[in-house]
Amino acid sequence: MTAEWSLTGAPNARDLGGFVGAEGRLVRAGALIRASGLGRLVDDDLPTLGKLGIACVVDLRAASEIEVAPPDRLVGEPRVVHIPVHDPAHPVFTYVSAVMLGHDLAAYEALAREGTTGAMEAIYRWFVASPVATEAFTRAVREVAEPGNLPLLYHCSAGKDRTGWLSVILLTALGVDKDAIRADYLRTNDLADGVNESIMGAMLVRRPGLDLDAIRPVLEARGSYLDAAYDEVAKRHGDMDSYLRDALGIDDAMVTSLRERLLEA
C-alpha cells in the first residue's frame, strides 16, 4: 500500500497507489496524486510535497477560478498544464469556488432555492454529456500517458468533483473494481469533513441565518452524484469501457500503455 502522508492545507489530497487493478496488480504508489487547489498549503506541507517529486500538475480549474484563489504553492519546477473543465453558463462551478474561498454568496440565492443537490447531479451528467468536458478529460488522460509527466498531481478547487471524475476515469482504465472506485470517491467526505465544517461555521459568522442545507451538497461527495454520471454513461455509451474508448479515445493500446506505466509488475 501507499506510504502515509497528508497535507494540512489540502486534507483530501491522496495517492491513488495501492488499489488493486487489472490482473491483481497494484496501482503504483507515488505516481498519481489527486488534490484540491494548493493555494491553502501551509509551510509544513511543502517538504511533504517536495518528497512526492511532482513532475507535472494538471489544473482543472477555469481561469476565473484561478484568478480569485490564492496562488498554488508548488515545490520545484513541475510542468503546469491548465485544462479547464468548466461551463461558464452553470453557476455551480463558480459557486463551489465562492464557498471554498468564503466569498459572498448572495448572487447564488436562486441556485440555492432551485436545489443544489440537483444542480450537482446535473454537473456530473455534464461531465459525460458535454463535448467541452469530454475534450478536457481526454486531454488530462493524455497528460497522464505522456512520458516524463509522472509523478503527476491533478486538482480542481475542492478536489472532489472534476478531480473525482478524472479519478474514476483513470482507475477504471487501470482495471480497479467499481466498488473500490466509489469508496475512494466518497473518502473525500471523511478527509475534508473538518475543513467543510470550518467553512460553514465561518459563513454563519459572516451571514447569520445562512441556509447551510443549500451549501452542504456543494461541499460533499455524494453517491447520487456519481450515480448520475454513471447513468449518463449508460445512456450514451452503454458502459464505462465504451465511454473510455469511444468518447475519450482510451483504446486498447492506451489502456495497455497506462497499465504498463501505472501498475506494478
C-alpha atoms as a PDB file:
ATOM      1  CA  MET A   1       0.000   0.000   0.000  1.00  0.00           C
ATOM      2  CA  THR A   2       0.973   3.654  -0.262  1.00  0.00           C
ATOM      3  CA  ALA A   3       3.119   5.465   2.255  1.00  0.00           C
ATOM      4  CA  GLU A   4       1.081   7.540   4.692  1.00  0.00           C
ATOM      5  CA  TRP A   5       1.313  11.287   4.222  1.00  0.00           C
ATOM      6  CA  SER A   6      -1.066  14.209   4.405  1.00  0.00           C
ATOM      7  CA  LEU A   7      -1.255  17.899   3.532  1.00  0.00           C
ATOM      8  CA  THR A   8      -2.758  20.135   6.193  1.00  0.00           C
ATOM      9  CA  GLY A   9      -3.877  22.712   3.659  1.00  0.00           C
ATOM     10  CA  ALA A  10      -5.329  20.124   1.279  1.00  0.00           C
ATOM     11  CA  PRO A  11      -6.574  17.377   3.603  1.00  0.00           C
ATOM     12  CA  ASN A  12      -8.308  15.370   0.888  1.00  0.00           C
ATOM     13  CA  ALA A  13      -5.123  15.079  -1.168  1.00  0.00           C
ATOM     14  CA  ARG A  14      -4.092  11.480  -1.592  1.00  0.00           C
ATOM     15  CA  ASP A  15      -2.098   8.942  -3.568  1.00  0.00           C
ATOM     16  CA  LEU A  16      -4.026   6.626  -5.891  1.00  0.00           C
ATOM     17  CA  GLY A  17      -1.401   3.967  -5.363  1.00  0.00           C
ATOM     18  CA  GLY A  18      -2.311   0.702  -3.686  1.00  0.00           C
ATOM     19  CA  PHE A  19      -5.599  -0.027  -5.438  1.00  0.00           C
ATOM     20  CA  VAL A  20      -5.897  -3.486  -6.950  1.00  0.00           C
ATOM     21  CA  GLY A  21      -6.007  -3.119 -10.725  1.00  0.00           C
ATOM     22  CA  ALA A  22      -6.026  -5.432 -13.717  1.00  0.00           C
ATOM     23  CA  GLU A  23      -4.688  -8.952 -13.187  1.00  0.00           C
ATOM     24  CA  GLY A  24      -4.392  -8.272  -9.474  1.00  0.00           C
ATOM     25  CA  ARG A  25      -1.574  -5.773  -9.997  1.00  0.00           C
ATOM     26  CA  LEU A  26      -1.457  -2.806  -7.636  1.00  0.00           C
ATOM     27  CA  VAL A  27      -1.536   0.787  -8.799  1.00  0.00           C
ATOM     28  CA  ARG A  28       1.975   2.147  -8.301  1.00  0.00           C
ATOM     29  CA  ALA A  29       2.491   4.311  -5.251  1.00  0.00           C
ATOM     30  CA  GLY A  30       3.628   7.871  -5.832  1.00  0.00           C
ATOM     31  CA  ALA A  31       2.643   8.062  -9.491  1.00  0.00           C
ATOM     32  CA  LEU A  32      -0.811   9.707  -9.387  1.00  0.00           C
ATOM     33  CA  ILE A  33      -1.813  12.247  -6.752  1.00  0.00           C
ATOM     34  CA  ARG A  34      -5.277  13.820  -6.529  1.00  0.00           C
ATOM     35  CA  ALA A  35      -5.766  17.039  -4.594  1.00  0.00           C
ATOM     36  CA  SER A  36      -7.691  20.254  -4.165  1.00  0.00           C
ATOM     37  CA  GLY A  37      -6.246  23.668  -5.001  1.00  0.00           C
ATOM     38  CA  LEU A  38      -2.800  24.033  -3.487  1.00  0.00           C
ATOM     39  CA  GLY A  39      -3.082  27.697  -2.546  1.00  0.00           C
ATOM     40  CA  ARG A  40      -4.005  26.873   1.063  1.00  0.00           C
ATOM     41  CA  LEU A  41      -0.963  24.715   1.747  1.00  0.00           C
ATOM     42  CA  VAL A  42       0.910  25.692   4.896  1.00  0.00           C
ATOM     43  CA  ASP A  43       4.674  25.886   5.223  1.00  0.00           C
ATOM     44  CA  ASP A  44       4.852  22.465   6.872  1.00  0.00           C
ATOM     45  CA  ASP A  45       3.180  20.937   3.792  1.00  0.00           C
ATOM     46  CA  LEU A  46       5.960  21.953   1.436  1.00  0.00           C
ATOM     47  CA  PRO A  47       8.559  19.345   2.481  1.00  0.00           C
ATOM     48  CA  THR A  48       5.897  16.649   2.046  1.00  0.00           C
ATOM     49  CA  LEU A  49       5.019  17.958  -1.387  1.00  0.00           C
ATOM     50  CA  GLY A  50       8.694  18.101  -2.248  1.00  0.00           C
ATOM     51  CA  LYS A  51       9.209  14.455  -1.344  1.00  0.00           C
ATOM     52  CA  LEU A  52       6.484  13.491  -3.817  1.00  0.00           C
ATOM     53  CA  GLY A  53       8.690  14.836  -6.605  1.00  0.00           C
ATOM     54  CA  ILE A  54       5.818  16.032  -8.771  1.00  0.00           C
ATOM     55  CA  ALA A  55       6.825  16.349 -12.423  1.00  0.00           C
ATOM     56  CA  CYS A  56       3.510  17.624 -13.790  1.00  0.00           C
ATOM     57  CA  VAL A  57       0.488  19.407 -12.325  1.00  0.00           C
ATOM     58  CA  VAL A  58      -2.825  19.267 -14.193  1.00  0.00           C
ATOM     59  CA  ASP A  59      -5.123  22.091 -13.065  1.00  0.00           C
ATOM     60  CA  LEU A  60      -8.776  21.510 -13.974  1.00  0.00           C
ATOM     61  CA  ARG A  61      -9.976  24.955 -12.879  1.00  0.00           C
ATOM     62  CA  ALA A  62     -11.128  27.740 -15.163  1.00  0.00           C
ATOM     63  CA  ALA A  63      -9.127  30.968 -15.381  1.00  0.00           C
ATOM     64  CA  SER A  64     -11.870  32.785 -13.463  1.00  0.00           C
ATOM     65  CA  GLU A  65     -11.431  30.388 -10.524  1.00  0.00           C
ATOM     66  CA  ILE A  66      -7.657  30.666 -10.547  1.00  0.00           C
ATOM     67  CA  GLU A  67      -7.812  34.471 -10.531  1.00  0.00           C
ATOM     68  CA  VAL A  68      -9.743  34.663  -7.246  1.00  0.00           C
ATOM     69  CA  ALA A  69      -7.929  31.844  -5.446  1.00  0.00           C
ATOM     70  CA  PRO A  70      -4.599  32.009  -3.599  1.00  0.00           C
ATOM     71  CA  PRO A  71      -1.730  31.029  -5.917  1.00  0.00           C
ATOM     72  CA  ASP A  72      -0.881  27.349  -5.777  1.00  0.00           C
ATOM     73  CA  ARG A  73       2.173  26.666  -3.641  1.00  0.00           C
ATOM     74  CA  LEU A  74       4.451  24.350  -5.592  1.00  0.00           C
ATOM     75  CA  VAL A  75       7.837  22.835  -4.877  1.00  0.00           C
ATOM     76  CA  GLY A  76      10.457  22.571  -7.588  1.00  0.00           C
ATOM     77  CA  GLU A  77       9.519  23.357 -11.158  1.00  0.00           C
ATOM     78  CA  PRO A  78       6.790  20.936 -12.215  1.00  0.00           C
ATOM     79  CA  ARG A  79       5.232  21.400 -15.625  1.00  0.00           C
ATOM     80  CA  VAL A  80       1.821  23.037 -15.010  1.00  0.00           C
ATOM     81  CA  VAL A  81      -0.943  22.320 -17.508  1.00  0.00           C
ATOM     82  CA  HIS A  82      -4.267  24.143 -17.321  1.00  0.00           C
ATOM     83  CA  ILE A  83      -7.143  22.068 -18.681  1.00  0.00           C
ATOM     84  CA  PRO A  84     -10.359  23.816 -17.625  1.00  0.00           C
ATOM     85  CA  VAL A  85     -13.393  21.623 -17.068  1.00  0.00           C
ATOM     86  CA  HIS A  86     -15.862  24.438 -16.849  1.00  0.00           C
ATOM     87  CA  ASP A  87     -19.238  25.647 -18.069  1.00  0.00           C
ATOM     88  CA  PRO A  88     -19.465  29.442 -17.644  1.00  0.00           C
ATOM     89  CA  ALA A  89     -23.241  29.217 -18.039  1.00  0.00           C
ATOM     90  CA  HIS A  90     -23.597  26.976 -14.998  1.00  0.00           C
ATOM     91  CA  PRO A  91     -23.273  28.801 -11.660  1.00  0.00           C
ATOM     92  CA  VAL A  92     -22.326  25.683  -9.699  1.00  0.00           C
ATOM     93  CA  PHE A  93     -18.714  25.986 -10.835  1.00  0.00           C
ATOM     94  CA  THR A  94     -18.258  29.499  -9.512  1.00  0.00           C
ATOM     95  CA  TYR A  95     -20.447  28.679  -6.512  1.00  0.00           C
ATOM     96  CA  VAL A  96     -18.058  25.930  -5.405  1.00  0.00           C
ATOM     97  CA  SER A  97     -15.138  28.308  -5.651  1.00  0.00           C
ATOM     98  CA  ALA A  98     -17.053  31.046  -3.789  1.00  0.00           C
ATOM     99  CA  VAL A  99     -17.950  28.629  -0.980  1.00  0.00           C
ATOM    100  CA  MET A 100     -14.384  27.358  -0.653  1.00  0.00           C
ATOM    101  CA  LEU A 101     -12.955  30.887  -0.544  1.00  0.00           C
ATOM    102  CA  GLY A 102     -15.584  32.301   1.816  1.00  0.00           C
ATOM    103  CA  HIS A 103     -16.895  34.832  -0.685  1.00  0.00           C
ATOM    104  CA  ASP A 104     -20.325  36.476  -0.594  1.00  0.00           C
ATOM    105  CA  LEU A 105     -22.986  34.004  -1.712  1.00  0.00           C
ATOM    106  CA  ALA A 106     -25.785  36.493  -2.249  1.00  0.00           C
ATOM    107  CA  ALA A 107     -25.558  36.087  -6.026  1.00  0.00           C
ATOM    108  CA  TYR A 108     -26.336  32.371  -5.729  1.00  0.00           C
ATOM    109  CA  GLU A 109     -29.582  32.531  -3.762  1.00  0.00           C
ATOM    110  CA  ALA A 110     -31.602  31.489  -6.825  1.00  0.00           C
ATOM    111  CA  LEU A 111     -29.419  28.406  -7.206  1.00  0.00           C
ATOM    112  CA  ALA A 112     -29.932  27.529  -3.539  1.00  0.00           C
ATOM    113  CA  ARG A 113     -33.703  27.803  -3.932  1.00  0.00           C
ATOM    114  CA  GLU A 114     -33.679  25.559  -7.005  1.00  0.00           C
ATOM    115  CA  GLY A 115     -31.752  22.908  -5.135  1.00  0.00           C
ATOM    116  CA  THR A 116     -28.015  22.465  -5.082  1.00  0.00           C
ATOM    117  CA  THR A 117     -28.234  18.662  -4.863  1.00  0.00           C
ATOM    118  CA  GLY A 118     -30.000  18.506  -8.222  1.00  0.00           C
ATOM    119  CA  ALA A 119     -27.580  21.035  -9.652  1.00  0.00           C
ATOM    120  CA  MET A 120     -24.612  18.932  -8.564  1.00  0.00           C
ATOM    121  CA  GLU A 121     -26.113  15.842 -10.176  1.00  0.00           C
ATOM    122  CA  ALA A 122     -26.621  17.859 -13.362  1.00  0.00           C
ATOM    123  CA  ILE A 123     -22.949  18.824 -13.331  1.00  0.00           C
ATOM    124  CA  TYR A 124     -21.916  15.171 -13.150  1.00  0.00           C
ATOM    125  CA  ARG A 125     -24.137  14.387 -16.116  1.00  0.00           C
ATOM    126  CA  TRP A 126     -22.484  17.301 -17.894  1.00  0.00           C
ATOM    127  CA  PHE A 127     -19.082  15.717 -17.291  1.00  0.00           C
ATOM    128  CA  VAL A 128     -20.178  12.882 -19.554  1.00  0.00           C
ATOM    129  CA  ALA A 129     -22.541  14.636 -21.976  1.00  0.00           C
ATOM    130  CA  SER A 130     -20.651  17.828 -22.774  1.00  0.00           C
ATOM    131  CA  PRO A 131     -18.177  17.902 -25.682  1.00  0.00           C
ATOM    132  CA  VAL A 132     -16.212  20.543 -23.742  1.00  0.00           C
ATOM    133  CA  ALA A 133     -15.861  18.282 -20.706  1.00  0.00           C
ATOM    134  CA  THR A 134     -15.114  15.251 -22.870  1.00  0.00           C
ATOM    135  CA  GLU A 135     -12.313  17.074 -24.655  1.00  0.00           C
ATOM    136  CA  ALA A 136     -10.874  18.291 -21.354  1.00  0.00           C
ATOM    137  CA  PHE A 137     -10.881  14.871 -19.696  1.00  0.00           C
ATOM    138  CA  THR A 138      -9.364  13.402 -22.864  1.00  0.00           C
ATOM    139  CA  ARG A 139      -6.519  15.921 -22.682  1.00  0.00           C
ATOM    140  CA  ALA A 140      -5.998  15.188 -18.997  1.00  0.00           C
ATOM    141  CA  VAL A 141      -5.676  11.443 -19.585  1.00  0.00           C
ATOM    142  CA  ARG A 142      -3.188  12.090 -22.371  1.00  0.00           C
ATOM    143  CA  GLU A 143      -1.072  14.142 -19.970  1.00  0.00           C
ATOM    144  CA  VAL A 144      -1.031  11.140 -17.639  1.00  0.00           C
ATOM    145  CA  ALA A 145       0.063   8.950 -20.549  1.00  0.00           C
ATOM    146  CA  GLU A 146       2.806  11.353 -21.641  1.00  0.00           C
ATOM    147  CA  PRO A 147       6.340  10.101 -20.895  1.00  0.00           C
ATOM    148  CA  GLY A 148       8.082  12.224 -18.306  1.00  0.00           C
ATOM    149  CA  ASN A 149       4.920  13.534 -16.633  1.00  0.00           C
ATOM    150  CA  LEU A 150       4.999  11.157 -13.669  1.00  0.00           C
ATOM    151  CA  PRO A 151       4.594  11.669 -10.792  1.00  0.00           C
ATOM    152  CA  LEU A 152       1.544  13.703 -11.780  1.00  0.00           C
ATOM    153  CA  LEU A 153      -0.746  15.691  -9.482  1.00  0.00           C
ATOM    154  CA  TYR A 154      -4.169  16.805 -10.688  1.00  0.00           C
ATOM    155  CA  HIS A 155      -6.611  19.067  -8.917  1.00  0.00           C
ATOM    156  CA  CYS A 156      -9.539  21.475  -9.173  1.00  0.00           C
ATOM    157  CA  SER A 157     -10.879  23.855  -6.490  1.00  0.00           C
ATOM    158  CA  ALA A 158     -12.376  21.441  -3.961  1.00  0.00           C
ATOM    159  CA  GLY A 159     -10.676  18.317  -5.282  1.00  0.00           C
ATOM    160  CA  LYS A 160     -13.848  16.216  -5.315  1.00  0.00           C
ATOM    161  CA  ASP A 161     -15.964  16.714  -8.460  1.00  0.00           C
ATOM    162  CA  ARG A 162     -13.826  17.275 -11.554  1.00  0.00           C
ATOM    163  CA  THR A 163     -10.898  15.687  -9.753  1.00  0.00           C
ATOM    164  CA  GLY A 164     -13.214  12.898  -8.608  1.00  0.00           C
ATOM    165  CA  TRP A 165     -14.481  12.091 -12.096  1.00  0.00           C
ATOM    166  CA  LEU A 166     -10.962  12.108 -13.553  1.00  0.00           C
ATOM    167  CA  SER A 167     -10.026   9.651 -10.797  1.00  0.00           C
ATOM    168  CA  VAL A 168     -12.950   7.442 -11.831  1.00  0.00           C
ATOM    169  CA  ILE A 169     -11.732   7.526 -15.435  1.00  0.00           C
ATOM    170  CA  LEU A 170      -8.131   6.682 -14.565  1.00  0.00           C
ATOM    171  CA  LEU A 171      -8.912   3.952 -12.050  1.00  0.00           C
ATOM    172  CA  THR A 172     -11.414   2.370 -14.439  1.00  0.00           C
ATOM    173  CA  ALA A 173      -8.793   2.321 -17.192  1.00  0.00           C
ATOM    174  CA  LEU A 174      -6.398   0.637 -14.764  1.00  0.00           C
ATOM    175  CA  GLY A 175      -8.930  -2.102 -14.033  1.00  0.00           C
ATOM    176  CA  VAL A 176      -9.816  -1.105 -10.466  1.00  0.00           C
ATOM    177  CA  ASP A 177     -13.077  -2.528  -9.123  1.00  0.00           C
ATOM    178  CA  LYS A 178     -16.085  -0.191  -9.287  1.00  0.00           C
ATOM    179  CA  ASP A 179     -16.814  -0.546  -5.561  1.00  0.00           C
ATOM    180  CA  ALA A 180     -13.244   0.450  -4.705  1.00  0.00           C
ATOM    181  CA  ILE A 181     -13.535   3.448  -7.017  1.00  0.00           C
ATOM    182  CA  ARG A 182     -16.728   4.537  -5.287  1.00  0.00           C
ATOM    183  CA  ALA A 183     -15.109   4.135  -1.878  1.00  0.00           C
ATOM    184  CA  ASP A 184     -12.248   6.403  -2.899  1.00  0.00           C
ATOM    185  CA  TYR A 185     -14.684   8.976  -4.270  1.00  0.00           C
ATOM    186  CA  LEU A 186     -16.649   9.051  -1.003  1.00  0.00           C
ATOM    187  CA  ARG A 187     -13.476   9.092   1.093  1.00  0.00           C
ATOM    188  CA  THR A 188     -13.264  12.824   0.429  1.00  0.00           C
ATOM    189  CA  ASN A 189     -16.089  13.299   2.942  1.00  0.00           C
ATOM    190  CA  ASP A 190     -14.019  11.805   5.753  1.00  0.00           C
ATOM    191  CA  LEU A 191     -10.795  13.555   4.818  1.00  0.00           C
ATOM    192  CA  ALA A 192     -12.304  17.012   4.295  1.00  0.00           C
ATOM    193  CA  ASP A 193     -15.041  16.902   6.927  1.00  0.00           C
ATOM    194  CA  GLY A 194     -13.224  19.157   9.371  1.00  0.00           C
ATOM    195  CA  VAL A 195     -12.490  21.720   6.670  1.00  0.00           C
ATOM    196  CA  ASN A 196     -16.089  21.702   5.459  1.00  0.00           C
ATOM    197  CA  GLU A 197     -17.446  22.261   8.956  1.00  0.00           C
ATOM    198  CA  SER A 198     -14.994  25.126   9.448  1.00  0.00           C
ATOM    199  CA  ILE A 199     -16.076  26.697   6.154  1.00  0.00           C
ATOM    200  CA  MET A 200     -19.747  26.529   7.124  1.00  0.00           C
ATOM    201  CA  GLY A 201     -19.061  27.797  10.635  1.00  0.00           C
ATOM    202  CA  ALA A 202     -17.180  30.800   9.271  1.00  0.00           C
ATOM    203  CA  MET A 203     -20.007  31.517   6.857  1.00  0.00           C
ATOM    204  CA  LEU A 204     -22.540  31.555   9.672  1.00  0.00           C
ATOM    205  CA  VAL A 205     -20.454  34.123  11.494  1.00  0.00           C
ATOM    206  CA  ARG A 206     -20.452  36.387   8.449  1.00  0.00           C
ATOM    207  CA  ARG A 207     -24.064  35.741   7.466  1.00  0.00           C
ATOM    208  CA  PRO A 208     -26.221  34.594  10.403  1.00  0.00           C
ATOM    209  CA  GLY A 209     -29.222  32.621   9.234  1.00  0.00           C
ATOM    210  CA  LEU A 210     -27.465  31.337   6.119  1.00  0.00           C
ATOM    211  CA  ASP A 211     -29.096  28.151   4.829  1.00  0.00           C
ATOM    212  CA  LEU A 212     -26.387  25.557   5.379  1.00  0.00           C
ATOM    213  CA  ASP A 213     -28.583  22.872   3.820  1.00  0.00           C
ATOM    214  CA  ALA A 214     -28.048  24.643   0.494  1.00  0.00           C
ATOM    215  CA  ILE A 215     -24.279  24.769   0.957  1.00  0.00           C
ATOM    216  CA  ARG A 216     -23.572  21.280   2.299  1.00  0.00           C
ATOM    217  CA  PRO A 217     -24.344  19.471  -1.008  1.00  0.00           C
ATOM    218  CA  VAL A 218     -21.701  21.580  -2.729  1.00  0.00           C
ATOM    219  CA  LEU A 219     -19.036  20.610  -0.209  1.00  0.00           C
ATOM    220  CA  GLU A 220     -19.787  16.895  -0.071  1.00  0.00           C
ATOM    221  CA  ALA A 221     -19.129  13.968  -2.365  1.00  0.00           C
ATOM    222  CA  ARG A 222     -22.386  12.042  -2.658  1.00  0.00           C
ATOM    223  CA  GLY A 223     -23.140   8.694  -4.188  1.00  0.00           C
ATOM    224  CA  SER A 224     -26.048  10.178  -6.125  1.00  0.00           C
ATOM    225  CA  TYR A 225     -23.637  12.484  -7.960  1.00  0.00           C
ATOM    226  CA  LEU A 226     -21.502   9.568  -9.087  1.00  0.00           C
ATOM    227  CA  ASP A 227     -24.635   7.613  -9.983  1.00  0.00           C
ATOM    228  CA  ALA A 228     -25.787  10.497 -12.188  1.00  0.00           C
ATOM    229  CA  ALA A 229     -22.536  10.344 -14.149  1.00  0.00           C
ATOM    230  CA  TYR A 230     -22.679   6.568 -14.454  1.00  0.00           C
ATOM    231  CA  ASP A 231     -26.301   6.801 -15.589  1.00  0.00           C
ATOM    232  CA  GLU A 232     -25.330   9.279 -18.302  1.00  0.00           C
ATOM    233  CA  VAL A 233     -22.557   6.933 -19.409  1.00  0.00           C
ATOM    234  CA  ALA A 234     -25.054   4.068 -19.649  1.00  0.00           C
ATOM    235  CA  LYS A 235     -27.497   6.150 -21.686  1.00  0.00           C
ATOM    236  CA  ARG A 236     -24.906   7.423 -24.146  1.00  0.00           C
ATOM    237  CA  HIS A 237     -22.326   4.654 -24.342  1.00  0.00           C
ATOM    238  CA  GLY A 238     -23.677   1.530 -22.663  1.00  0.00           C
ATOM    239  CA  ASP A 239     -20.840   1.015 -20.208  1.00  0.00           C
ATOM    240  CA  MET A 240     -17.654   2.600 -18.901  1.00  0.00           C
ATOM    241  CA  ASP A 241     -15.349   0.661 -21.220  1.00  0.00           C
ATOM    242  CA  SER A 242     -17.223   2.014 -24.248  1.00  0.00           C
ATOM    243  CA  TYR A 243     -17.198   5.536 -22.787  1.00  0.00           C
ATOM    244  CA  LEU A 244     -13.443   5.384 -22.281  1.00  0.00           C
ATOM    245  CA  ARG A 245     -12.871   4.041 -25.787  1.00  0.00           C
ATOM    246  CA  ASP A 246     -15.436   5.925 -27.870  1.00  0.00           C
ATOM    247  CA  ALA A 247     -15.668   9.270 -26.046  1.00  0.00           C
ATOM    248  CA  LEU A 248     -12.213   9.664 -24.511  1.00  0.00           C
ATOM    249  CA  GLY A 249     -10.130   7.763 -27.041  1.00  0.00           C
ATOM    250  CA  ILE A 250      -8.692   5.417 -24.438  1.00  0.00           C
ATOM    251  CA  ASP A 251      -8.324   2.500 -26.821  1.00  0.00           C
ATOM    252  CA  ASP A 252      -6.739  -0.876 -26.140  1.00  0.00           C
ATOM    253  CA  ALA A 253      -3.265   0.435 -26.934  1.00  0.00           C
ATOM    254  CA  MET A 254      -3.594   3.322 -24.473  1.00  0.00           C
ATOM    255  CA  VAL A 255      -5.058   1.062 -21.786  1.00  0.00           C
ATOM    256  CA  THR A 256      -2.070  -1.235 -22.195  1.00  0.00           C
ATOM    257  CA  SER A 257       0.334   1.701 -22.024  1.00  0.00           C
ATOM    258  CA  LEU A 258      -1.308   3.182 -18.927  1.00  0.00           C
ATOM    259  CA  ARG A 259      -1.276  -0.165 -17.164  1.00  0.00           C
ATOM    260  CA  GLU A 260       2.361  -0.793 -18.026  1.00  0.00           C
ATOM    261  CA  ARG A 261       3.349   2.571 -16.564  1.00  0.00           C
ATOM    262  CA  LEU A 262       0.995   2.768 -13.608  1.00  0.00           C
ATOM    263  CA  LEU A 263       0.583  -0.799 -12.371  1.00  0.00           C
ATOM    264  CA  GLU A 264       3.249  -2.731 -10.526  1.00  0.00           C
ATOM    265  CA  ALA A 265       4.747  -5.704 -12.320  1.00  0.00           C
END
